[in-house]
Amino acid sequence: MTRFAQPAEFQIAEPVALPSGRCEGMRRLRTSDTAAFRDHLLRLDARGRRLRFGSPVNDAFIERYAADALTDEGCIIGLFSDGILRGAAELCGLGRDGAKAEAAFSLEADLRGRGLGSRLFEEILAEARRAGIRSLAVHFLRENVAMRKIVARHSPKLEIEGAEVTATIRLDMADRLAPLRPLGSPAPVSLPEPA
């Protein structure tokens, strides 16, 4: 059994009402979700693709990426709205000892700025803890102010090299900064009222 093998049952976070529809919650993606994951990445606008992959990417790149993404070497938490995958948090193990992992995030444009990125981040931290990960690396572009704010709550040190920022989160430190929630319990999200 690999570190991120699919669980028998999927924990789904509590639903969240959104002005543009209903967010059913989050769950681990299965290999049967490959097409939904691909479609989510294809729906990302140019800025969203650049923020997720660190540079502009075309549809062919996304097709190849999504085809290989759902393996036992990592896990992806999906955020669903009206039955459609609209956001994802990816966790991939690094190194042979299994103590380090890397995380990446994507959220479609109309769902940004609603606290859902923070919620995905909390879910991926919880998954990393359950998998015994001690150190989590998050790479993002310097222009990604939202990710910088999210990461700053968990990592006192950010390394900036050119246009890229790297945060290394020691999960024992993250436990002191952000208390561990019980498995499957939703992260608190405060959503603005629709105008």
N, C-alpha and C. Protein backbone atom coordinates (compact mmCIF):
# COMPACT_ATOMS: atom_id res chain seq x y z
N MET A 1 0.85 -1.18 0.00
CA MET A 1 0.00 0.00 0.00
C MET A 1 0.89 1.24 0.00
N THR A 2 0.64 2.14 -0.89
CA THR A 2 1.43 3.36 -0.95
C THR A 2 0.88 4.40 0.01
N ARG A 3 1.68 5.40 0.25
CA ARG A 3 1.36 6.45 1.22
C ARG A 3 0.00 7.11 0.97
N PHE A 4 -0.33 7.36 -0.28
CA PHE A 4 -1.55 8.09 -0.59
C PHE A 4 -2.63 7.21 -1.21
N ALA A 5 -2.62 5.93 -0.93
CA ALA A 5 -3.62 5.04 -1.51
C ALA A 5 -5.02 5.54 -1.16
N GLN A 6 -5.96 5.34 -2.08
CA GLN A 6 -7.32 5.83 -1.89
C GLN A 6 -7.97 5.14 -0.69
N PRO A 7 -8.64 5.90 0.17
CA PRO A 7 -9.35 5.30 1.29
C PRO A 7 -10.62 4.60 0.79
N ALA A 8 -11.14 3.70 1.62
CA ALA A 8 -12.36 2.99 1.25
C ALA A 8 -13.54 3.95 1.13
N GLU A 9 -13.61 4.93 2.01
CA GLU A 9 -14.68 5.93 1.96
C GLU A 9 -14.06 7.30 1.87
N PHE A 10 -14.78 8.22 1.26
CA PHE A 10 -14.29 9.57 1.08
C PHE A 10 -14.98 10.49 2.07
N GLN A 11 -14.20 11.28 2.79
CA GLN A 11 -14.74 12.27 3.70
C GLN A 11 -15.15 13.49 2.88
N ILE A 12 -16.35 13.96 3.05
CA ILE A 12 -16.81 15.14 2.34
C ILE A 12 -17.04 16.25 3.34
N ALA A 13 -16.41 17.39 3.10
CA ALA A 13 -16.58 18.53 3.99
C ALA A 13 -18.00 19.07 3.87
N GLU A 14 -18.39 19.81 4.87
CA GLU A 14 -19.73 20.39 4.93
C GLU A 14 -19.99 21.31 3.74
N PRO A 15 -21.19 21.27 3.18
CA PRO A 15 -21.51 22.13 2.04
C PRO A 15 -21.41 23.62 2.37
N VAL A 16 -21.13 24.41 1.36
CA VAL A 16 -21.04 25.86 1.49
C VAL A 16 -21.93 26.47 0.43
N ALA A 17 -22.76 27.44 0.80
CA ALA A 17 -23.59 28.11 -0.18
C ALA A 17 -22.78 29.21 -0.85
N LEU A 18 -22.82 29.26 -2.17
CA LEU A 18 -22.12 30.28 -2.94
C LEU A 18 -23.13 31.06 -3.76
N PRO A 19 -22.88 32.35 -3.99
CA PRO A 19 -23.79 33.13 -4.81
C PRO A 19 -23.99 32.53 -6.20
N SER A 20 -22.93 31.91 -6.76
CA SER A 20 -23.03 31.38 -8.12
C SER A 20 -23.50 29.93 -8.16
N GLY A 21 -23.87 29.38 -7.03
CA GLY A 21 -24.32 27.99 -7.01
C GLY A 21 -24.04 27.36 -5.67
N ARG A 22 -24.19 26.07 -5.59
CA ARG A 22 -24.00 25.36 -4.34
C ARG A 22 -22.69 24.59 -4.39
N CYS A 23 -21.90 24.75 -3.36
CA CYS A 23 -20.66 23.99 -3.23
C CYS A 23 -20.97 22.79 -2.35
N GLU A 24 -20.98 21.60 -2.94
CA GLU A 24 -21.31 20.40 -2.16
C GLU A 24 -20.25 20.08 -1.12
N GLY A 25 -19.02 20.47 -1.39
CA GLY A 25 -17.95 20.18 -0.46
C GLY A 25 -16.72 19.66 -1.18
N MET A 26 -15.89 18.98 -0.42
CA MET A 26 -14.63 18.48 -0.94
C MET A 26 -14.50 17.00 -0.66
N ARG A 27 -13.78 16.34 -1.56
CA ARG A 27 -13.47 14.92 -1.34
C ARG A 27 -12.22 14.57 -2.12
N ARG A 28 -11.62 13.44 -1.74
CA ARG A 28 -10.48 12.93 -2.48
C ARG A 28 -10.95 12.48 -3.85
N LEU A 29 -10.17 12.79 -4.87
CA LEU A 29 -10.51 12.35 -6.21
C LEU A 29 -10.03 10.92 -6.43
N ARG A 30 -10.76 10.21 -7.28
CA ARG A 30 -10.42 8.84 -7.67
C ARG A 30 -9.96 8.85 -9.12
N THR A 31 -9.42 7.75 -9.58
CA THR A 31 -8.99 7.69 -10.98
C THR A 31 -10.17 7.91 -11.92
N SER A 32 -11.36 7.57 -11.47
CA SER A 32 -12.55 7.80 -12.30
C SER A 32 -12.86 9.30 -12.45
N ASP A 33 -12.20 10.16 -11.68
CA ASP A 33 -12.38 11.61 -11.77
C ASP A 33 -11.38 12.27 -12.72
N THR A 34 -10.60 11.49 -13.46
CA THR A 34 -9.57 12.05 -14.33
C THR A 34 -10.15 13.06 -15.32
N ALA A 35 -11.24 12.72 -15.97
CA ALA A 35 -11.84 13.63 -16.96
C ALA A 35 -12.33 14.91 -16.29
N ALA A 36 -12.92 14.79 -15.10
CA ALA A 36 -13.40 15.98 -14.38
C ALA A 36 -12.23 16.87 -13.98
N PHE A 37 -11.11 16.26 -13.58
CA PHE A 37 -9.92 17.03 -13.21
C PHE A 37 -9.36 17.75 -14.44
N ARG A 38 -9.28 17.03 -15.55
CA ARG A 38 -8.81 17.64 -16.80
C ARG A 38 -9.71 18.82 -17.19
N ASP A 39 -11.02 18.62 -17.13
CA ASP A 39 -11.96 19.67 -17.52
C ASP A 39 -11.82 20.89 -16.61
N HIS A 40 -11.61 20.66 -15.32
CA HIS A 40 -11.39 21.77 -14.39
C HIS A 40 -10.16 22.57 -14.80
N LEU A 41 -9.05 21.89 -15.06
CA LEU A 41 -7.83 22.59 -15.44
C LEU A 41 -8.00 23.32 -16.77
N LEU A 42 -8.74 22.73 -17.70
CA LEU A 42 -8.97 23.39 -18.99
C LEU A 42 -9.83 24.64 -18.84
N ARG A 43 -10.70 24.68 -17.82
CA ARG A 43 -11.54 25.85 -17.59
C ARG A 43 -10.80 27.00 -16.92
N LEU A 44 -9.60 26.74 -16.38
CA LEU A 44 -8.84 27.83 -15.77
C LEU A 44 -8.55 28.89 -16.81
N ASP A 45 -8.72 30.15 -16.43
CA ASP A 45 -8.37 31.24 -17.34
C ASP A 45 -6.85 31.32 -17.44
N ALA A 46 -6.35 32.18 -18.32
CA ALA A 46 -4.89 32.28 -18.54
C ALA A 46 -4.15 32.57 -17.24
N ARG A 47 -4.69 33.47 -16.43
CA ARG A 47 -4.05 33.80 -15.16
C ARG A 47 -4.05 32.59 -14.22
N GLY A 48 -5.18 31.90 -14.13
CA GLY A 48 -5.28 30.71 -13.29
C GLY A 48 -4.30 29.62 -13.69
N ARG A 49 -4.13 29.43 -15.00
CA ARG A 49 -3.16 28.43 -15.47
C ARG A 49 -1.74 28.85 -15.10
N ARG A 50 -1.43 30.12 -15.28
CA ARG A 50 -0.08 30.60 -14.95
C ARG A 50 0.19 30.47 -13.45
N LEU A 51 -0.81 30.81 -12.62
CA LEU A 51 -0.62 30.69 -11.18
C LEU A 51 -0.47 29.23 -10.75
N ARG A 52 -1.22 28.32 -11.37
CA ARG A 52 -1.13 26.91 -10.99
C ARG A 52 0.18 26.26 -11.44
N PHE A 53 0.60 26.53 -12.69
CA PHE A 53 1.76 25.83 -13.24
C PHE A 53 3.03 26.67 -13.26
N GLY A 54 2.96 27.94 -12.88
CA GLY A 54 4.16 28.78 -12.82
C GLY A 54 4.52 29.44 -14.13
N SER A 55 3.81 29.10 -15.18
CA SER A 55 4.04 29.71 -16.51
C SER A 55 2.81 29.41 -17.36
N PRO A 56 2.66 30.10 -18.48
CA PRO A 56 1.52 29.81 -19.35
C PRO A 56 1.61 28.38 -19.89
N VAL A 57 0.48 27.69 -19.91
CA VAL A 57 0.44 26.33 -20.47
C VAL A 57 -0.74 26.23 -21.42
N ASN A 58 -0.60 25.37 -22.43
CA ASN A 58 -1.67 25.20 -23.41
C ASN A 58 -2.52 23.98 -23.08
N ASP A 59 -3.59 23.79 -23.85
CA ASP A 59 -4.51 22.68 -23.62
C ASP A 59 -3.82 21.32 -23.72
N ALA A 60 -2.89 21.18 -24.66
CA ALA A 60 -2.20 19.89 -24.84
C ALA A 60 -1.40 19.53 -23.58
N PHE A 61 -0.74 20.53 -22.98
CA PHE A 61 -0.01 20.28 -21.74
C PHE A 61 -0.97 19.80 -20.66
N ILE A 62 -2.10 20.47 -20.52
CA ILE A 62 -3.08 20.10 -19.49
C ILE A 62 -3.61 18.69 -19.73
N GLU A 63 -3.88 18.34 -20.96
CA GLU A 63 -4.36 16.99 -21.28
C GLU A 63 -3.36 15.94 -20.79
N ARG A 64 -2.07 16.16 -21.09
CA ARG A 64 -1.02 15.21 -20.66
C ARG A 64 -0.91 15.19 -19.14
N TYR A 65 -0.92 16.36 -18.53
CA TYR A 65 -0.77 16.45 -17.08
C TYR A 65 -1.90 15.70 -16.36
N ALA A 66 -3.14 15.98 -16.76
CA ALA A 66 -4.29 15.38 -16.09
C ALA A 66 -4.33 13.87 -16.27
N ALA A 67 -3.87 13.38 -17.41
CA ALA A 67 -3.89 11.94 -17.68
C ALA A 67 -3.06 11.15 -16.67
N ASP A 68 -2.01 11.78 -16.13
CA ASP A 68 -1.11 11.09 -15.20
C ASP A 68 -1.23 11.56 -13.75
N ALA A 69 -2.15 12.46 -13.46
CA ALA A 69 -2.18 13.09 -12.14
C ALA A 69 -2.74 12.22 -11.02
N LEU A 70 -3.73 11.42 -11.31
CA LEU A 70 -4.39 10.65 -10.25
C LEU A 70 -3.76 9.27 -10.11
N THR A 71 -2.71 9.23 -9.31
CA THR A 71 -1.99 7.98 -9.05
C THR A 71 -1.87 7.81 -7.54
N ASP A 72 -1.35 6.66 -7.13
CA ASP A 72 -1.11 6.42 -5.71
C ASP A 72 0.10 7.19 -5.19
N GLU A 73 0.82 7.87 -6.06
CA GLU A 73 2.00 8.64 -5.65
C GLU A 73 1.61 9.99 -5.03
N GLY A 74 0.36 10.31 -5.06
CA GLY A 74 -0.11 11.57 -4.49
C GLY A 74 -1.60 11.50 -4.28
N CYS A 75 -2.17 12.61 -3.88
CA CYS A 75 -3.61 12.66 -3.75
C CYS A 75 -4.08 14.05 -4.18
N ILE A 76 -5.31 14.10 -4.61
CA ILE A 76 -5.92 15.36 -5.02
C ILE A 76 -7.25 15.49 -4.29
N ILE A 77 -7.42 16.61 -3.61
CA ILE A 77 -8.68 16.94 -2.97
C ILE A 77 -9.43 17.84 -3.94
N GLY A 78 -10.67 17.49 -4.27
CA GLY A 78 -11.45 18.27 -5.21
C GLY A 78 -12.54 19.06 -4.52
N LEU A 79 -12.79 20.26 -4.99
CA LEU A 79 -13.87 21.11 -4.51
C LEU A 79 -14.97 21.09 -5.57
N PHE A 80 -16.17 20.71 -5.20
CA PHE A 80 -17.27 20.56 -6.14
C PHE A 80 -18.34 21.62 -5.92
N SER A 81 -18.82 22.19 -7.02
CA SER A 81 -19.93 23.14 -6.99
C SER A 81 -20.93 22.72 -8.05
N ASP A 82 -22.18 22.53 -7.65
CA ASP A 82 -23.24 22.07 -8.56
C ASP A 82 -22.81 20.80 -9.30
N GLY A 83 -22.13 19.91 -8.59
CA GLY A 83 -21.72 18.63 -9.15
C GLY A 83 -20.52 18.68 -10.07
N ILE A 84 -19.90 19.86 -10.21
CA ILE A 84 -18.77 20.03 -11.12
C ILE A 84 -17.51 20.33 -10.31
N LEU A 85 -16.41 19.66 -10.64
CA LEU A 85 -15.13 19.93 -10.00
C LEU A 85 -14.67 21.33 -10.38
N ARG A 86 -14.49 22.21 -9.39
CA ARG A 86 -14.16 23.61 -9.66
C ARG A 86 -12.86 24.06 -9.02
N GLY A 87 -12.30 23.24 -8.14
CA GLY A 87 -11.03 23.57 -7.50
C GLY A 87 -10.33 22.30 -7.09
N ALA A 88 -9.01 22.38 -6.92
CA ALA A 88 -8.26 21.19 -6.55
C ALA A 88 -7.02 21.56 -5.75
N ALA A 89 -6.69 20.70 -4.80
CA ALA A 89 -5.45 20.80 -4.04
C ALA A 89 -4.72 19.47 -4.24
N GLU A 90 -3.49 19.56 -4.74
CA GLU A 90 -2.72 18.36 -5.07
C GLU A 90 -1.59 18.18 -4.07
N LEU A 91 -1.34 16.95 -3.70
CA LEU A 91 -0.27 16.61 -2.78
C LEU A 91 0.55 15.49 -3.42
N CYS A 92 1.85 15.72 -3.54
CA CYS A 92 2.73 14.74 -4.18
C CYS A 92 3.94 14.50 -3.29
N GLY A 93 4.23 13.24 -3.00
CA GLY A 93 5.38 12.91 -2.16
C GLY A 93 6.69 13.21 -2.85
N LEU A 94 7.67 13.61 -2.04
CA LEU A 94 9.02 13.90 -2.54
C LEU A 94 10.00 13.01 -1.79
N GLY A 95 10.91 12.40 -2.50
CA GLY A 95 11.96 11.61 -1.85
C GLY A 95 11.48 10.24 -1.44
N ARG A 96 12.44 9.41 -1.11
CA ARG A 96 12.14 8.02 -0.78
C ARG A 96 11.65 7.82 0.64
N ASP A 97 12.02 8.72 1.57
CA ASP A 97 11.64 8.49 2.96
C ASP A 97 10.20 8.87 3.26
N GLY A 98 9.53 9.54 2.34
CA GLY A 98 8.12 9.89 2.53
C GLY A 98 7.88 11.00 3.53
N ALA A 99 8.93 11.68 3.97
CA ALA A 99 8.77 12.72 4.97
C ALA A 99 8.47 14.08 4.37
N LYS A 100 8.67 14.23 3.05
CA LYS A 100 8.47 15.51 2.39
C LYS A 100 7.44 15.37 1.28
N ALA A 101 6.71 16.45 1.05
CA ALA A 101 5.74 16.48 -0.05
C ALA A 101 5.65 17.89 -0.60
N GLU A 102 5.03 17.99 -1.76
CA GLU A 102 4.82 19.27 -2.42
C GLU A 102 3.33 19.43 -2.66
N ALA A 103 2.83 20.66 -2.52
CA ALA A 103 1.40 20.92 -2.72
C ALA A 103 1.21 21.95 -3.83
N ALA A 104 0.11 21.82 -4.55
CA ALA A 104 -0.26 22.77 -5.61
C ALA A 104 -1.77 22.96 -5.58
N PHE A 105 -2.21 24.14 -6.02
CA PHE A 105 -3.62 24.49 -5.89
C PHE A 105 -4.15 25.13 -7.16
N SER A 106 -5.43 24.91 -7.45
CA SER A 106 -6.10 25.57 -8.57
C SER A 106 -7.55 25.82 -8.17
N LEU A 107 -8.03 26.98 -8.57
CA LEU A 107 -9.40 27.38 -8.26
C LEU A 107 -9.90 28.23 -9.43
N GLU A 108 -11.06 27.90 -9.94
CA GLU A 108 -11.60 28.65 -11.08
C GLU A 108 -11.92 30.09 -10.68
N ALA A 109 -11.82 30.99 -11.64
CA ALA A 109 -11.85 32.44 -11.39
C ALA A 109 -13.04 32.91 -10.57
N ASP A 110 -14.25 32.42 -10.86
CA ASP A 110 -15.42 32.94 -10.16
C ASP A 110 -15.54 32.46 -8.72
N LEU A 111 -14.67 31.53 -8.30
CA LEU A 111 -14.68 31.07 -6.92
C LEU A 111 -13.54 31.65 -6.09
N ARG A 112 -12.65 32.39 -6.72
CA ARG A 112 -11.54 32.99 -5.99
C ARG A 112 -12.03 34.13 -5.11
N GLY A 113 -11.31 34.38 -4.03
CA GLY A 113 -11.65 35.49 -3.14
C GLY A 113 -12.81 35.19 -2.21
N ARG A 114 -13.15 33.92 -2.03
CA ARG A 114 -14.27 33.53 -1.17
C ARG A 114 -13.83 32.67 0.01
N GLY A 115 -12.52 32.55 0.23
CA GLY A 115 -12.02 31.73 1.33
C GLY A 115 -11.88 30.26 0.99
N LEU A 116 -12.20 29.88 -0.23
CA LEU A 116 -12.14 28.47 -0.60
C LEU A 116 -10.71 27.98 -0.81
N GLY A 117 -9.81 28.85 -1.23
CA GLY A 117 -8.40 28.47 -1.33
C GLY A 117 -7.84 28.12 0.04
N SER A 118 -8.21 28.89 1.05
CA SER A 118 -7.79 28.59 2.43
C SER A 118 -8.34 27.25 2.88
N ARG A 119 -9.58 27.00 2.51
CA ARG A 119 -10.21 25.74 2.90
C ARG A 119 -9.52 24.55 2.23
N LEU A 120 -9.19 24.68 0.94
CA LEU A 120 -8.44 23.62 0.25
C LEU A 120 -7.07 23.43 0.90
N PHE A 121 -6.42 24.53 1.27
CA PHE A 121 -5.12 24.46 1.91
C PHE A 121 -5.21 23.68 3.23
N GLU A 122 -6.22 23.97 4.03
CA GLU A 122 -6.40 23.25 5.31
C GLU A 122 -6.62 21.76 5.08
N GLU A 123 -7.40 21.43 4.05
CA GLU A 123 -7.66 20.01 3.76
C GLU A 123 -6.38 19.29 3.33
N ILE A 124 -5.54 19.95 2.55
CA ILE A 124 -4.32 19.30 2.09
C ILE A 124 -3.32 19.17 3.24
N LEU A 125 -3.30 20.15 4.15
CA LEU A 125 -2.47 20.02 5.35
C LEU A 125 -2.92 18.83 6.19
N ALA A 126 -4.22 18.67 6.36
CA ALA A 126 -4.74 17.54 7.14
C ALA A 126 -4.37 16.22 6.47
N GLU A 127 -4.47 16.16 5.15
CA GLU A 127 -4.11 14.93 4.42
C GLU A 127 -2.62 14.63 4.59
N ALA A 128 -1.78 15.66 4.51
CA ALA A 128 -0.33 15.48 4.68
C ALA A 128 -0.03 14.95 6.09
N ARG A 129 -0.69 15.49 7.08
CA ARG A 129 -0.48 15.01 8.47
C ARG A 129 -0.87 13.54 8.58
N ARG A 130 -2.04 13.18 8.01
CA ARG A 130 -2.50 11.78 8.09
C ARG A 130 -1.50 10.85 7.41
N ALA A 131 -0.83 11.35 6.36
CA ALA A 131 0.13 10.53 5.62
C ALA A 131 1.51 10.50 6.28
N GLY A 132 1.68 11.23 7.38
CA GLY A 132 2.96 11.23 8.08
C GLY A 132 3.99 12.17 7.47
N ILE A 133 3.56 13.09 6.64
CA ILE A 133 4.48 14.07 6.03
C ILE A 133 4.93 15.05 7.12
N ARG A 134 6.22 15.32 7.16
CA ARG A 134 6.76 16.26 8.15
C ARG A 134 7.08 17.62 7.56
N SER A 135 7.28 17.68 6.24
CA SER A 135 7.66 18.94 5.60
C SER A 135 6.92 19.07 4.27
N LEU A 136 6.22 20.20 4.10
CA LEU A 136 5.44 20.44 2.90
C LEU A 136 5.97 21.67 2.18
N ALA A 137 6.31 21.51 0.89
CA ALA A 137 6.80 22.62 0.07
C ALA A 137 5.66 23.14 -0.79
N VAL A 138 5.53 24.46 -0.81
CA VAL A 138 4.53 25.10 -1.67
C VAL A 138 5.27 26.15 -2.50
N HIS A 139 5.23 25.98 -3.82
CA HIS A 139 5.86 26.93 -4.74
C HIS A 139 4.76 27.74 -5.40
N PHE A 140 4.95 29.05 -5.47
CA PHE A 140 3.95 29.88 -6.13
C PHE A 140 4.63 31.14 -6.67
N LEU A 141 3.95 31.77 -7.61
CA LEU A 141 4.49 32.98 -8.21
C LEU A 141 4.38 34.15 -7.24
N ARG A 142 5.34 35.01 -7.28
CA ARG A 142 5.40 36.19 -6.43
C ARG A 142 4.11 37.03 -6.54
N GLU A 143 3.51 37.06 -7.72
CA GLU A 143 2.29 37.85 -7.94
C GLU A 143 1.06 37.24 -7.28
N ASN A 144 1.15 36.01 -6.80
CA ASN A 144 0.01 35.32 -6.21
C ASN A 144 -0.16 35.74 -4.74
N VAL A 145 -0.73 36.92 -4.55
CA VAL A 145 -0.89 37.51 -3.22
C VAL A 145 -1.79 36.65 -2.34
N ALA A 146 -2.84 36.07 -2.91
CA ALA A 146 -3.75 35.24 -2.13
C ALA A 146 -3.02 34.04 -1.54
N MET A 147 -2.20 33.35 -2.35
CA MET A 147 -1.46 32.20 -1.83
C MET A 147 -0.44 32.62 -0.79
N ARG A 148 0.17 33.75 -1.01
CA ARG A 148 1.16 34.25 -0.05
C ARG A 148 0.51 34.47 1.32
N LYS A 149 -0.71 35.03 1.34
CA LYS A 149 -1.42 35.25 2.60
C LYS A 149 -1.79 33.94 3.27
N ILE A 150 -2.26 32.98 2.47
CA ILE A 150 -2.63 31.68 3.02
C ILE A 150 -1.42 30.99 3.64
N VAL A 151 -0.32 30.95 2.90
CA VAL A 151 0.89 30.26 3.35
C VAL A 151 1.51 30.95 4.56
N ALA A 152 1.43 32.27 4.61
CA ALA A 152 2.04 33.03 5.71
C ALA A 152 1.47 32.63 7.07
N ARG A 153 0.27 32.12 7.11
CA ARG A 153 -0.33 31.66 8.37
C ARG A 153 0.35 30.42 8.92
N HIS A 154 1.06 29.71 8.03
CA HIS A 154 1.64 28.42 8.42
C HIS A 154 3.16 28.38 8.33
N SER A 155 3.76 29.30 7.62
CA SER A 155 5.20 29.28 7.43
C SER A 155 5.78 30.65 7.73
N PRO A 156 6.64 30.73 8.74
CA PRO A 156 7.24 32.02 9.07
C PRO A 156 8.32 32.44 8.08
N LYS A 157 8.74 31.51 7.20
CA LYS A 157 9.84 31.80 6.29
C LYS A 157 9.45 31.52 4.85
N LEU A 158 9.58 32.56 4.02
CA LEU A 158 9.34 32.41 2.59
C LEU A 158 10.64 32.70 1.87
N GLU A 159 11.01 31.85 0.91
CA GLU A 159 12.20 32.07 0.11
C GLU A 159 11.77 32.60 -1.26
N ILE A 160 12.33 33.74 -1.64
CA ILE A 160 11.98 34.36 -2.92
C ILE A 160 13.18 34.28 -3.84
N GLU A 161 12.94 33.70 -5.03
CA GLU A 161 13.98 33.62 -6.05
C GLU A 161 13.37 34.03 -7.37
N GLY A 162 13.68 35.22 -7.81
CA GLY A 162 13.10 35.74 -9.05
C GLY A 162 11.60 35.92 -8.89
N ALA A 163 10.84 35.30 -9.79
CA ALA A 163 9.38 35.43 -9.76
C ALA A 163 8.72 34.37 -8.89
N GLU A 164 9.51 33.41 -8.36
CA GLU A 164 8.93 32.31 -7.61
C GLU A 164 9.19 32.43 -6.11
N VAL A 165 8.19 32.04 -5.33
CA VAL A 165 8.29 32.01 -3.88
C VAL A 165 8.15 30.56 -3.44
N THR A 166 8.95 30.15 -2.48
CA THR A 166 8.84 28.81 -1.92
C THR A 166 8.63 28.92 -0.42
N ALA A 167 7.60 28.26 0.05
CA ALA A 167 7.35 28.17 1.48
C ALA A 167 7.53 26.72 1.88
N THR A 168 8.29 26.50 2.92
CA THR A 168 8.44 25.15 3.46
C THR A 168 7.73 25.14 4.80
N ILE A 169 6.73 24.30 4.90
CA ILE A 169 5.92 24.24 6.11
C ILE A 169 6.28 22.98 6.87
N ARG A 170 6.84 23.17 8.05
CA ARG A 170 7.08 22.04 8.93
C ARG A 170 5.76 21.74 9.62
N LEU A 171 5.25 20.55 9.42
CA LEU A 171 3.91 20.26 9.92
C LEU A 171 3.83 20.25 11.44
N ASP A 172 4.92 19.96 12.13
CA ASP A 172 4.87 20.08 13.58
C ASP A 172 4.69 21.54 13.98
N MET A 173 5.32 22.48 13.21
CA MET A 173 5.14 23.91 13.47
C MET A 173 3.73 24.33 13.05
N ALA A 174 3.23 23.81 11.93
CA ALA A 174 1.88 24.14 11.49
C ALA A 174 0.86 23.70 12.53
N ASP A 175 1.15 22.58 13.21
CA ASP A 175 0.24 22.12 14.25
C ASP A 175 0.15 23.15 15.39
N ARG A 176 1.26 23.80 15.69
CA ARG A 176 1.23 24.81 16.75
C ARG A 176 0.54 26.08 16.29
N LEU A 177 0.70 26.43 15.00
CA LEU A 177 0.12 27.67 14.49
C LEU A 177 -1.35 27.52 14.13
N ALA A 178 -1.74 26.39 13.61
CA ALA A 178 -3.13 26.15 13.22
C ALA A 178 -3.55 24.79 13.76
N PRO A 179 -4.36 24.76 14.82
CA PRO A 179 -4.73 23.49 15.45
C PRO A 179 -5.33 22.50 14.47
N LEU A 180 -4.99 21.24 14.64
CA LEU A 180 -5.49 20.17 13.78
C LEU A 180 -6.98 19.97 14.01
N ARG A 181 -7.75 19.98 12.92
CA ARG A 181 -9.18 19.73 12.99
C ARG A 181 -9.41 18.23 12.91
N PRO A 182 -10.49 17.73 13.48
CA PRO A 182 -10.80 16.31 13.33
C PRO A 182 -10.97 15.93 11.87
N LEU A 183 -10.67 14.68 11.54
CA LEU A 183 -10.78 14.18 10.18
C LEU A 183 -12.15 14.48 9.59
N GLY A 184 -12.15 15.12 8.42
CA GLY A 184 -13.39 15.39 7.71
C GLY A 184 -14.15 16.62 8.17
N SER A 185 -13.70 17.25 9.26
CA SER A 185 -14.43 18.45 9.70
C SER A 185 -14.01 19.63 8.83
N PRO A 186 -14.97 20.48 8.47
CA PRO A 186 -14.66 21.57 7.54
C PRO A 186 -13.87 22.67 8.20
N ALA A 187 -13.02 23.30 7.40
CA ALA A 187 -12.33 24.49 7.86
C ALA A 187 -13.34 25.63 7.89
N PRO A 188 -13.23 26.53 8.86
CA PRO A 188 -14.17 27.64 8.89
C PRO A 188 -13.99 28.52 7.66
N VAL A 189 -15.10 28.85 7.03
CA VAL A 189 -15.07 29.71 5.84
C VAL A 189 -16.10 30.79 6.02
N SER A 190 -15.69 32.00 5.81
CA SER A 190 -16.59 33.12 5.89
C SER A 190 -16.77 33.67 4.49
N LEU A 191 -17.96 33.53 3.95
CA LEU A 191 -18.22 33.95 2.58
C LEU A 191 -19.01 35.25 2.57
N PRO A 192 -18.66 36.17 1.67
CA PRO A 192 -19.42 37.42 1.58
C PRO A 192 -20.83 37.17 1.07
N GLU A 193 -21.76 37.99 1.53
CA GLU A 193 -23.12 37.91 1.06
C GLU A 193 -23.19 38.36 -0.39
N PRO A 194 -24.07 37.75 -1.20
CA PRO A 194 -24.20 38.19 -2.58
C PRO A 194 -24.71 39.63 -2.64
N ALA A 195 -24.24 40.38 -3.64
CA ALA A 195 -24.65 41.78 -3.78
C ALA A 195 -26.05 41.87 -4.34
